[in-house]
Amino acid sequence: AYMATGNYPQGVPPQFLLTLPAADSSCPIKPFRDLSARVGLNIKN
């Protein structure tokens, strides 16, 4: 919920914060992009 509001991680009370795992530097990956809507394949069911 804090992520959805844009207030993660800074807004999460420290005692409840869950940190993201560290990236594996040996496996750099370029981000994928969801283009289903642009291609017209964003079927909703």
ModelCIF file with pLDDT and N, C-alpha, C, O atoms, coordinates in Angstrom:
data_MODEL
#
_entry.id   MODEL 
#
_entity.id                         1 
_entity.type                       polymer 
_entity.pdbx_number_of_molecules   1 
#
_entity_poly.entity_id                      1 
_entity_poly.type                           'polypeptide(L)' 
_entity_poly.nstd_linkage                   no 
_entity_poly.nstd_monomer                   no 
_entity_poly.pdbx_seq_one_letter_code       AYMATGNYPQGVPPQFLLTLPAADSSCPIKPFRDLSARVGLNIKN 
_entity_poly.pdbx_seq_one_letter_code_can   AYMATGNYPQGVPPQFLLTLPAADSSCPIKPFRDLSARVGLNIKN 
_entity_poly.pdbx_strand_id                 A 
#
loop_
_entity_poly_seq.entity_id 
_entity_poly_seq.num 
_entity_poly_seq.mon_id 
_entity_poly_seq.hetero 
1 1  ALA n 
1 2  TYR n 
1 3  MET n 
1 4  ALA n 
1 5  THR n 
1 6  GLY n 
1 7  ASN n 
1 8  TYR n 
1 9  PRO n 
1 10 GLN n 
1 11 GLY n 
1 12 VAL n 
1 13 PRO n 
1 14 PRO n 
1 15 GLN n 
1 16 PHE n 
1 17 LEU n 
1 18 LEU n 
1 19 THR n 
1 20 LEU n 
1 21 PRO n 
1 22 ALA n 
1 23 ALA n 
1 24 ASP n 
1 25 SER n 
1 26 SER n 
1 27 CYS n 
1 28 PRO n 
1 29 ILE n 
1 30 LYS n 
1 31 PRO n 
1 32 PHE n 
1 33 ARG n 
1 34 ASP n 
1 35 LEU n 
1 36 SER n 
1 37 ALA n 
1 38 ARG n 
1 39 VAL n 
1 40 GLY n 
1 41 LEU n 
1 42 ASN n 
1 43 ILE n 
1 44 LYS n 
1 45 ASN n 
#
_struct_asym.id          A 
_struct_asym.entity_id   1 
#
loop_
_ma_qa_metric.id 
_ma_qa_metric.mode 
_ma_qa_metric.name 
_ma_qa_metric.software_group_id 
_ma_qa_metric.type 
1 global pLDDT . pLDDT 
2 local  pLDDT . pLDDT 
#
_ma_qa_metric_global.metric_id      1 
_ma_qa_metric_global.metric_value   94.18 
_ma_qa_metric_global.model_id       1 
_ma_qa_metric_global.ordinal_id     1 
#
loop_
_ma_qa_metric_local.label_asym_id 
_ma_qa_metric_local.label_comp_id 
_ma_qa_metric_local.label_seq_id 
_ma_qa_metric_local.metric_id 
_ma_qa_metric_local.metric_value 
_ma_qa_metric_local.model_id 
_ma_qa_metric_local.ordinal_id 
A ALA 1  2 98.00 1 1  
A TYR 2  2 98.00 1 2  
A MET 3  2 98.00 1 3  
A ALA 4  2 98.00 1 4  
A THR 5  2 98.00 1 5  
A GLY 6  2 98.00 1 6  
A ASN 7  2 98.00 1 7  
A TYR 8  2 98.00 1 8  
A PRO 9  2 97.00 1 9  
A GLN 10 2 97.00 1 10 
A GLY 11 2 97.00 1 11 
A VAL 12 2 98.00 1 12 
A PRO 13 2 97.00 1 13 
A PRO 14 2 97.00 1 14 
A GLN 15 2 97.00 1 15 
A PHE 16 2 98.00 1 16 
A LEU 17 2 98.00 1 17 
A LEU 18 2 97.00 1 18 
A THR 19 2 96.00 1 19 
A LEU 20 2 94.00 1 20 
A PRO 21 2 89.00 1 21 
A ALA 22 2 85.00 1 22 
A ALA 23 2 81.00 1 23 
A ASP 24 2 84.00 1 24 
A SER 25 2 82.00 1 25 
A SER 26 2 86.00 1 26 
A CYS 27 2 91.00 1 27 
A PRO 28 2 92.00 1 28 
A ILE 29 2 96.00 1 29 
A LYS 30 2 97.00 1 30 
A PRO 31 2 97.00 1 31 
A PHE 32 2 98.00 1 32 
A ARG 33 2 96.00 1 33 
A ASP 34 2 96.00 1 34 
A LEU 35 2 95.00 1 35 
A SER 36 2 94.00 1 36 
A ALA 37 2 92.00 1 37 
A ARG 38 2 91.00 1 38 
A VAL 39 2 91.00 1 39 
A GLY 40 2 92.00 1 40 
A LEU 41 2 94.00 1 41 
A ASN 42 2 94.00 1 42 
A ILE 43 2 93.00 1 43 
A LYS 44 2 93.00 1 44 
A ASN 45 2 92.00 1 45 
#
loop_
_atom_site.group_PDB 
_atom_site.id 
_atom_site.type_symbol 
_atom_site.label_atom_id 
_atom_site.label_alt_id 
_atom_site.label_comp_id 
_atom_site.label_asym_id 
_atom_site.label_entity_id 
_atom_site.label_seq_id 
_atom_site.pdbx_PDB_ins_code 
_atom_site.Cartn_x 
_atom_site.Cartn_y 
_atom_site.Cartn_z 
_atom_site.occupancy 
_atom_site.B_iso_or_equiv 
_atom_site.pdbx_formal_charge 
_atom_site.auth_seq_id 
_atom_site.auth_comp_id 
_atom_site.auth_asym_id 
_atom_site.auth_atom_id 
_atom_site.pdbx_PDB_model_num 
ATOM 1   N N  . ALA A 1 1  ? 0.831   -1.210  0.000   1.00 98.00 ? 1  ALA A N  1 
ATOM 2   C CA . ALA A 1 1  ? 0.000   0.000   0.000   1.00 98.00 ? 1  ALA A CA 1 
ATOM 3   C C  . ALA A 1 1  ? 0.865   1.259   0.000   1.00 98.00 ? 1  ALA A C  1 
ATOM 4   O O  . ALA A 1 1  ? 0.542   2.236   -0.676  1.00 98.00 ? 1  ALA A O  1 
ATOM 5   N N  . TYR A 1 2  ? 1.973   1.236   0.765   1.00 98.00 ? 2  TYR A N  1 
ATOM 6   C CA . TYR A 1 2  ? 2.882   2.388   0.748   1.00 98.00 ? 2  TYR A CA 1 
ATOM 7   C C  . TYR A 1 2  ? 3.503   2.570   -0.635  1.00 98.00 ? 2  TYR A C  1 
ATOM 8   O O  . TYR A 1 2  ? 3.684   3.700   -1.089  1.00 98.00 ? 2  TYR A O  1 
ATOM 9   N N  . MET A 1 3  ? 3.830   1.462   -1.307  1.00 98.00 ? 3  MET A N  1 
ATOM 10  C CA . MET A 1 3  ? 4.349   1.564   -2.672  1.00 98.00 ? 3  MET A CA 1 
ATOM 11  C C  . MET A 1 3  ? 3.327   2.228   -3.585  1.00 98.00 ? 3  MET A C  1 
ATOM 12  O O  . MET A 1 3  ? 3.676   3.075   -4.408  1.00 98.00 ? 3  MET A O  1 
ATOM 13  N N  . ALA A 1 4  ? 2.056   1.837   -3.434  1.00 98.00 ? 4  ALA A N  1 
ATOM 14  C CA . ALA A 1 4  ? 0.997   2.368   -4.296  1.00 98.00 ? 4  ALA A CA 1 
ATOM 15  C C  . ALA A 1 4  ? 0.833   3.872   -4.128  1.00 98.00 ? 4  ALA A C  1 
ATOM 16  O O  . ALA A 1 4  ? 0.439   4.560   -5.069  1.00 98.00 ? 4  ALA A O  1 
ATOM 17  N N  . THR A 1 5  ? 1.131   4.385   -2.943  1.00 98.00 ? 5  THR A N  1 
ATOM 18  C CA . THR A 1 5  ? 1.006   5.831   -2.711  1.00 98.00 ? 5  THR A CA 1 
ATOM 19  C C  . THR A 1 5  ? 2.274   6.594   -3.082  1.00 98.00 ? 5  THR A C  1 
ATOM 20  O O  . THR A 1 5  ? 2.277   7.825   -3.094  1.00 98.00 ? 5  THR A O  1 
ATOM 21  N N  . GLY A 1 6  ? 3.350   5.869   -3.384  1.00 98.00 ? 6  GLY A N  1 
ATOM 22  C CA . GLY A 1 6  ? 4.618   6.522   -3.697  1.00 98.00 ? 6  GLY A CA 1 
ATOM 23  C C  . GLY A 1 6  ? 5.443   6.853   -2.480  1.00 98.00 ? 6  GLY A C  1 
ATOM 24  O O  . GLY A 1 6  ? 6.408   7.611   -2.575  1.00 98.00 ? 6  GLY A O  1 
ATOM 25  N N  . ASN A 1 7  ? 5.083   6.298   -1.332  1.00 98.00 ? 7  ASN A N  1 
ATOM 26  C CA . ASN A 1 7  ? 5.779   6.622   -0.085  1.00 98.00 ? 7  ASN A CA 1 
ATOM 27  C C  . ASN A 1 7  ? 6.610   5.467   0.455   1.00 98.00 ? 7  ASN A C  1 
ATOM 28  O O  . ASN A 1 7  ? 6.902   5.409   1.649   1.00 98.00 ? 7  ASN A O  1 
ATOM 29  N N  . TYR A 1 8  ? 6.994   4.534   -0.443  1.00 98.00 ? 8  TYR A N  1 
ATOM 30  C CA . TYR A 1 8  ? 7.886   3.441   -0.040  1.00 98.00 ? 8  TYR A CA 1 
ATOM 31  C C  . TYR A 1 8  ? 9.290   3.775   -0.527  1.00 98.00 ? 8  TYR A C  1 
ATOM 32  O O  . TYR A 1 8  ? 9.439   4.225   -1.663  1.00 98.00 ? 8  TYR A O  1 
ATOM 33  N N  . PRO A 1 9  ? 10.309  3.575   0.272   1.00 97.00 ? 9  PRO A N  1 
ATOM 34  C CA . PRO A 1 9  ? 10.299  3.025   1.637   1.00 97.00 ? 9  PRO A CA 1 
ATOM 35  C C  . PRO A 1 9  ? 10.217  4.095   2.721   1.00 97.00 ? 9  PRO A C  1 
ATOM 36  O O  . PRO A 1 9  ? 10.038  3.785   3.898   1.00 97.00 ? 9  PRO A O  1 
ATOM 37  N N  . GLN A 1 10 ? 10.352  5.375   2.308   1.00 97.00 ? 10 GLN A N  1 
ATOM 38  C CA . GLN A 1 10 ? 10.546  6.437   3.298   1.00 97.00 ? 10 GLN A CA 1 
ATOM 39  C C  . GLN A 1 10 ? 9.366   6.597   4.256   1.00 97.00 ? 10 GLN A C  1 
ATOM 40  O O  . GLN A 1 10 ? 9.558   7.029   5.393   1.00 97.00 ? 10 GLN A O  1 
ATOM 41  N N  . GLY A 1 11 ? 8.156   6.260   3.824   1.00 97.00 ? 11 GLY A N  1 
ATOM 42  C CA . GLY A 1 11 ? 6.997   6.476   4.672   1.00 97.00 ? 11 GLY A CA 1 
ATOM 43  C C  . GLY A 1 11 ? 6.652   5.312   5.579   1.00 97.00 ? 11 GLY A C  1 
ATOM 44  O O  . GLY A 1 11 ? 5.856   5.469   6.504   1.00 97.00 ? 11 GLY A O  1 
ATOM 45  N N  . VAL A 1 12 ? 7.231   4.151   5.335   1.00 98.00 ? 12 VAL A N  1 
ATOM 46  C CA . VAL A 1 12 ? 6.891   2.958   6.112   1.00 98.00 ? 12 VAL A CA 1 
ATOM 47  C C  . VAL A 1 12 ? 7.523   3.044   7.496   1.00 98.00 ? 12 VAL A C  1 
ATOM 48  O O  . VAL A 1 12 ? 8.724   3.291   7.604   1.00 98.00 ? 12 VAL A O  1 
ATOM 49  N N  . PRO A 1 13 ? 6.750   2.846   8.549   1.00 97.00 ? 13 PRO A N  1 
ATOM 50  C CA . PRO A 1 13 ? 7.346   2.816   9.888   1.00 97.00 ? 13 PRO A CA 1 
ATOM 51  C C  . PRO A 1 13 ? 8.489   1.803   9.926   1.00 97.00 ? 13 PRO A C  1 
ATOM 52  O O  . PRO A 1 13 ? 8.318   0.674   9.466   1.00 97.00 ? 13 PRO A O  1 
ATOM 53  N N  . PRO A 1 14 ? 9.649   2.180   10.462  1.00 97.00 ? 14 PRO A N  1 
ATOM 54  C CA . PRO A 1 14 ? 10.832  1.308   10.412  1.00 97.00 ? 14 PRO A CA 1 
ATOM 55  C C  . PRO A 1 14 ? 10.579  -0.106  10.924  1.00 97.00 ? 14 PRO A C  1 
ATOM 56  O O  . PRO A 1 14 ? 11.132  -1.072  10.400  1.00 97.00 ? 14 PRO A O  1 
ATOM 57  N N  . GLN A 1 15 ? 9.731   -0.223  11.963  1.00 97.00 ? 15 GLN A N  1 
ATOM 58  C CA . GLN A 1 15 ? 9.505   -1.551  12.534  1.00 97.00 ? 15 GLN A CA 1 
ATOM 59  C C  . GLN A 1 15 ? 8.681   -2.455  11.620  1.00 97.00 ? 15 GLN A C  1 
ATOM 60  O O  . GLN A 1 15 ? 8.604   -3.664  11.842  1.00 97.00 ? 15 GLN A O  1 
ATOM 61  N N  . PHE A 1 16 ? 8.057   -1.860  10.580  1.00 98.00 ? 16 PHE A N  1 
ATOM 62  C CA . PHE A 1 16 ? 7.238   -2.652  9.667   1.00 98.00 ? 16 PHE A CA 1 
ATOM 63  C C  . PHE A 1 16 ? 7.810   -2.709  8.250   1.00 98.00 ? 16 PHE A C  1 
ATOM 64  O O  . PHE A 1 16 ? 7.222   -3.344  7.375   1.00 98.00 ? 16 PHE A O  1 
ATOM 65  N N  . LEU A 1 17 ? 8.939   -2.060  8.018   1.00 98.00 ? 17 LEU A N  1 
ATOM 66  C CA . LEU A 1 17 ? 9.506   -1.984  6.669   1.00 98.00 ? 17 LEU A CA 1 
ATOM 67  C C  . LEU A 1 17 ? 10.042  -3.343  6.221   1.00 98.00 ? 17 LEU A C  1 
ATOM 68  O O  . LEU A 1 17 ? 10.735  -4.029  6.973   1.00 98.00 ? 17 LEU A O  1 
ATOM 69  N N  . LEU A 1 18 ? 9.712   -3.717  4.994   1.00 97.00 ? 18 LEU A N  1 
ATOM 70  C CA . LEU A 1 18 ? 10.279  -4.888  4.335   1.00 97.00 ? 18 LEU A CA 1 
ATOM 71  C C  . LEU A 1 18 ? 11.149  -4.381  3.193   1.00 97.00 ? 18 LEU A C  1 
ATOM 72  O O  . LEU A 1 18 ? 10.651  -3.736  2.270   1.00 97.00 ? 18 LEU A O  1 
ATOM 73  N N  . THR A 1 19 ? 12.437  -4.667  3.252   1.00 96.00 ? 19 THR A N  1 
ATOM 74  C CA . THR A 1 19 ? 13.357  -4.136  2.251   1.00 96.00 ? 19 THR A CA 1 
ATOM 75  C C  . THR A 1 19 ? 13.414  -5.045  1.029   1.00 96.00 ? 19 THR A C  1 
ATOM 76  O O  . THR A 1 19 ? 13.204  -6.254  1.128   1.00 96.00 ? 19 THR A O  1 
ATOM 77  N N  . LEU A 1 20 ? 13.700  -4.448  -0.118  1.00 94.00 ? 20 LEU A N  1 
ATOM 78  C CA . LEU A 1 20 ? 13.825  -5.203  -1.359  1.00 94.00 ? 20 LEU A CA 1 
ATOM 79  C C  . LEU A 1 20 ? 15.147  -5.957  -1.367  1.00 94.00 ? 20 LEU A C  1 
ATOM 80  O O  . LEU A 1 20 ? 16.137  -5.478  -0.814  1.00 94.00 ? 20 LEU A O  1 
ATOM 81  N N  . PRO A 1 21 ? 15.172  -7.139  -1.993  1.00 89.00 ? 21 PRO A N  1 
ATOM 82  C CA . PRO A 1 21 ? 16.435  -7.880  -2.072  1.00 89.00 ? 21 PRO A CA 1 
ATOM 83  C C  . PRO A 1 21 ? 17.439  -7.136  -2.942  1.00 89.00 ? 21 PRO A C  1 
ATOM 84  O O  . PRO A 1 21 ? 17.062  -6.433  -3.879  1.00 89.00 ? 21 PRO A O  1 
ATOM 85  N N  . ALA A 1 22 ? 18.714  -7.296  -2.627  1.00 85.00 ? 22 ALA A N  1 
ATOM 86  C CA . ALA A 1 22 ? 19.765  -6.642  -3.399  1.00 85.00 ? 22 ALA A CA 1 
ATOM 87  C C  . ALA A 1 22 ? 19.839  -7.244  -4.795  1.00 85.00 ? 22 ALA A C  1 
ATOM 88  O O  . ALA A 1 22 ? 19.637  -8.445  -4.968  1.00 85.00 ? 22 ALA A O  1 
ATOM 89  N N  . ALA A 1 23 ? 20.124  -6.419  -5.783  1.00 81.00 ? 23 ALA A N  1 
ATOM 90  C CA . ALA A 1 23 ? 20.241  -6.891  -7.156  1.00 81.00 ? 23 ALA A CA 1 
ATOM 91  C C  . ALA A 1 23 ? 21.481  -7.763  -7.306  1.00 81.00 ? 23 ALA A C  1 
ATOM 92  O O  . ALA A 1 23 ? 22.498  -7.530  -6.651  1.00 81.00 ? 23 ALA A O  1 
ATOM 93  N N  . ASP A 1 24 ? 21.389  -8.773  -8.175  1.00 84.00 ? 24 ASP A N  1 
ATOM 94  C CA . ASP A 1 24 ? 22.514  -9.654  -8.468  1.00 84.00 ? 24 ASP A CA 1 
ATOM 95  C C  . ASP A 1 24 ? 23.373  -8.972  -9.527  1.00 84.00 ? 24 ASP A C  1 
ATOM 96  O O  . ASP A 1 24 ? 23.015  -8.952  -10.704 1.00 84.00 ? 24 ASP A O  1 
ATOM 97  N N  . SER A 1 25 ? 24.504  -8.416  -9.107  1.00 82.00 ? 25 SER A N  1 
ATOM 98  C CA . SER A 1 25 ? 25.339  -7.643  -10.027 1.00 82.00 ? 25 SER A CA 1 
ATOM 99  C C  . SER A 1 25 ? 25.944  -8.498  -11.129 1.00 82.00 ? 25 SER A C  1 
ATOM 100 O O  . SER A 1 25 ? 26.383  -7.974  -12.153 1.00 82.00 ? 25 SER A O  1 
ATOM 101 N N  . SER A 1 26 ? 25.970  -9.812  -10.928 1.00 86.00 ? 26 SER A N  1 
ATOM 102 C CA . SER A 1 26 ? 26.540  -10.695 -11.946 1.00 86.00 ? 26 SER A CA 1 
ATOM 103 C C  . SER A 1 26 ? 25.556  -10.972 -13.074 1.00 86.00 ? 26 SER A C  1 
ATOM 104 O O  . SER A 1 26 ? 25.926  -11.563 -14.088 1.00 86.00 ? 26 SER A O  1 
ATOM 105 N N  . CYS A 1 27 ? 24.296  -10.546 -12.905 1.00 91.00 ? 27 CYS A N  1 
ATOM 106 C CA . CYS A 1 27 ? 23.267  -10.792 -13.925 1.00 91.00 ? 27 CYS A CA 1 
ATOM 107 C C  . CYS A 1 27 ? 22.531  -9.499  -14.258 1.00 91.00 ? 27 CYS A C  1 
ATOM 108 O O  . CYS A 1 27 ? 21.353  -9.364  -13.929 1.00 91.00 ? 27 CYS A O  1 
ATOM 109 N N  . PRO A 1 28 ? 23.194  -8.557  -14.897 1.00 92.00 ? 28 PRO A N  1 
ATOM 110 C CA . PRO A 1 28 ? 22.495  -7.318  -15.273 1.00 92.00 ? 28 PRO A CA 1 
ATOM 111 C C  . PRO A 1 28 ? 21.402  -7.598  -16.292 1.00 92.00 ? 28 PRO A C  1 
ATOM 112 O O  . PRO A 1 28 ? 21.639  -8.267  -17.298 1.00 92.00 ? 28 PRO A O  1 
ATOM 113 N N  . ILE A 1 29 ? 20.218  -7.091  -16.033 1.00 96.00 ? 29 ILE A N  1 
ATOM 114 C CA . ILE A 1 29 ? 19.068  -7.327  -16.904 1.00 96.00 ? 29 ILE A CA 1 
ATOM 115 C C  . ILE A 1 29 ? 18.441  -5.992  -17.277 1.00 96.00 ? 29 ILE A C  1 
ATOM 116 O O  . ILE A 1 29 ? 18.168  -5.160  -16.411 1.00 96.00 ? 29 ILE A O  1 
ATOM 117 N N  . LYS A 1 30 ? 18.216  -5.796  -18.554 1.00 97.00 ? 30 LYS A N  1 
ATOM 118 C CA . LYS A 1 30 ? 17.505  -4.606  -18.995 1.00 97.00 ? 30 LYS A CA 1 
ATOM 119 C C  . LYS A 1 30 ? 16.014  -4.815  -18.774 1.00 97.00 ? 30 LYS A C  1 
ATOM 120 O O  . LYS A 1 30 ? 15.512  -5.913  -19.011 1.00 97.00 ? 30 LYS A O  1 
ATOM 121 N N  . PRO A 1 31 ? 15.295  -3.794  -18.329 1.00 97.00 ? 31 PRO A N  1 
ATOM 122 C CA . PRO A 1 31 ? 13.876  -3.974  -17.990 1.00 97.00 ? 31 PRO A CA 1 
ATOM 123 C C  . PRO A 1 31 ? 13.001  -4.250  -19.209 1.00 97.00 ? 31 PRO A C  1 
ATOM 124 O O  . PRO A 1 31 ? 13.173  -3.648  -20.269 1.00 97.00 ? 31 PRO A O  1 
ATOM 125 N N  . PHE A 1 32 ? 12.067  -5.168  -19.036 1.00 98.00 ? 32 PHE A N  1 
ATOM 126 C CA . PHE A 1 32 ? 11.035  -5.424  -20.023 1.00 98.00 ? 32 PHE A CA 1 
ATOM 127 C C  . PHE A 1 32 ? 9.966   -4.334  -19.892 1.00 98.00 ? 32 PHE A C  1 
ATOM 128 O O  . PHE A 1 32 ? 9.949   -3.585  -18.915 1.00 98.00 ? 32 PHE A O  1 
ATOM 129 N N  . ARG A 1 33 ? 9.082   -4.254  -20.880 1.00 96.00 ? 33 ARG A N  1 
ATOM 130 C CA . ARG A 1 33 ? 8.004   -3.267  -20.825 1.00 96.00 ? 33 ARG A CA 1 
ATOM 131 C C  . ARG A 1 33 ? 6.706   -3.932  -21.265 1.00 96.00 ? 33 ARG A C  1 
ATOM 132 O O  . ARG A 1 33 ? 6.673   -4.600  -22.298 1.00 96.00 ? 33 ARG A O  1 
ATOM 133 N N  . ASP A 1 34 ? 5.653   -3.757  -20.502 1.00 96.00 ? 34 ASP A N  1 
ATOM 134 C CA . ASP A 1 34 ? 4.355   -4.340  -20.830 1.00 96.00 ? 34 ASP A CA 1 
ATOM 135 C C  . ASP A 1 34 ? 3.677   -3.499  -21.923 1.00 96.00 ? 34 ASP A C  1 
ATOM 136 O O  . ASP A 1 34 ? 3.247   -2.372  -21.678 1.00 96.00 ? 34 ASP A O  1 
ATOM 137 N N  . LEU A 1 35 ? 3.591   -4.068  -23.129 1.00 95.00 ? 35 LEU A N  1 
ATOM 138 C CA . LEU A 1 35 ? 2.983   -3.367  -24.260 1.00 95.00 ? 35 LEU A CA 1 
ATOM 139 C C  . LEU A 1 35 ? 1.691   -4.040  -24.725 1.00 95.00 ? 35 LEU A C  1 
ATOM 140 O O  . LEU A 1 35 ? 1.278   -3.862  -25.871 1.00 95.00 ? 35 LEU A O  1 
ATOM 141 N N  . SER A 1 36 ? 1.060   -4.804  -23.851 1.00 94.00 ? 36 SER A N  1 
ATOM 142 C CA . SER A 1 36 ? -0.136  -5.537  -24.266 1.00 94.00 ? 36 SER A CA 1 
ATOM 143 C C  . SER A 1 36 ? -1.234  -4.601  -24.759 1.00 94.00 ? 36 SER A C  1 
ATOM 144 O O  . SER A 1 36 ? -1.910  -4.912  -25.740 1.00 94.00 ? 36 SER A O  1 
ATOM 145 N N  . ALA A 1 37 ? -1.423  -3.468  -24.099 1.00 92.00 ? 37 ALA A N  1 
ATOM 146 C CA . ALA A 1 37 ? -2.474  -2.535  -24.510 1.00 92.00 ? 37 ALA A CA 1 
ATOM 147 C C  . ALA A 1 37 ? -2.160  -1.920  -25.870 1.00 92.00 ? 37 ALA A C  1 
ATOM 148 O O  . ALA A 1 37 ? -3.049  -1.767  -26.708 1.00 92.00 ? 37 ALA A O  1 
ATOM 149 N N  . ARG A 1 38 ? -0.913  -1.575  -26.082 1.00 91.00 ? 38 ARG A N  1 
ATOM 150 C CA . ARG A 1 38 ? -0.525  -0.964  -27.355 1.00 91.00 ? 38 ARG A CA 1 
ATOM 151 C C  . ARG A 1 38 ? -0.740  -1.927  -28.515 1.00 91.00 ? 38 ARG A C  1 
ATOM 152 O O  . ARG A 1 38 ? -1.128  -1.510  -29.606 1.00 91.00 ? 38 ARG A O  1 
ATOM 153 N N  . VAL A 1 39 ? -0.489  -3.217  -28.283 1.00 91.00 ? 39 VAL A N  1 
ATOM 154 C CA . VAL A 1 39 ? -0.613  -4.215  -29.340 1.00 91.00 ? 39 VAL A CA 1 
ATOM 155 C C  . VAL A 1 39 ? -2.051  -4.731  -29.450 1.00 91.00 ? 39 VAL A C  1 
ATOM 156 O O  . VAL A 1 39 ? -2.398  -5.407  -30.419 1.00 91.00 ? 39 VAL A O  1 
ATOM 157 N N  . GLY A 1 40 ? -2.884  -4.411  -28.455 1.00 92.00 ? 40 GLY A N  1 
ATOM 158 C CA . GLY A 1 40 ? -4.268  -4.877  -28.483 1.00 92.00 ? 40 GLY A CA 1 
ATOM 159 C C  . GLY A 1 40 ? -4.459  -6.274  -27.949 1.00 92.00 ? 40 GLY A C  1 
ATOM 160 O O  . GLY A 1 40 ? -5.451  -6.930  -28.269 1.00 92.00 ? 40 GLY A O  1 
ATOM 161 N N  . LEU A 1 41 ? -3.509  -6.751  -27.123 1.00 94.00 ? 41 LEU A N  1 
ATOM 162 C CA . LEU A 1 41 ? -3.590  -8.100  -26.571 1.00 94.00 ? 41 LEU A CA 1 
ATOM 163 C C  . LEU A 1 41 ? -3.859  -8.084  -25.065 1.00 94.00 ? 41 LEU A C  1 
ATOM 164 O O  . LEU A 1 41 ? -3.637  -9.081  -24.379 1.00 94.00 ? 41 LEU A O  1 
ATOM 165 N N  . ASN A 1 42 ? -4.333  -6.959  -24.563 1.00 94.00 ? 42 ASN A N  1 
ATOM 166 C CA . ASN A 1 42 ? -4.610  -6.808  -23.129 1.00 94.00 ? 42 ASN A CA 1 
ATOM 167 C C  . ASN A 1 42 ? -6.006  -7.341  -22.800 1.00 94.00 ? 42 ASN A C  1 
ATOM 168 O O  . ASN A 1 42 ? -6.862  -6.613  -22.296 1.00 94.00 ? 42 ASN A O  1 
ATOM 169 N N  . ILE A 1 43 ? -6.210  -8.598  -23.090 1.00 93.00 ? 43 ILE A N  1 
ATOM 170 C CA . ILE A 1 43 ? -7.493  -9.250  -22.823 1.00 93.00 ? 43 ILE A CA 1 
ATOM 171 C C  . ILE A 1 43 ? -7.726  -9.271  -21.318 1.00 93.00 ? 43 ILE A C  1 
ATOM 172 O O  . ILE A 1 43 ? -6.826  -9.617  -20.553 1.00 93.00 ? 43 ILE A O  1 
ATOM 173 N N  . LYS A 1 44 ? -8.913  -8.907  -20.899 1.00 93.00 ? 44 LYS A N  1 
ATOM 174 C CA . LYS A 1 44 ? -9.229  -8.862  -19.473 1.00 93.00 ? 44 LYS A CA 1 
ATOM 175 C C  . LYS A 1 44 ? -10.274 -9.938  -19.170 1.00 93.00 ? 44 LYS A C  1 
ATOM 176 O O  . LYS A 1 44 ? -11.427 -9.853  -19.594 1.00 93.00 ? 44 LYS A O  1 
ATOM 177 N N  . ASN A 1 45 ? -9.839  -10.938 -18.433 1.00 92.00 ? 45 ASN A N  1 
ATOM 178 C CA . ASN A 1 45 ? -10.766 -11.973 -17.980 1.00 92.00 ? 45 ASN A CA 1 
ATOM 179 C C  . ASN A 1 45 ? -10.202 -12.658 -16.741 1.00 92.00 ? 45 ASN A C  1 
ATOM 180 O O  . ASN A 1 45 ? -10.830 -13.566 -16.197 1.00 92.00 ? 45 ASN A O  1 
#
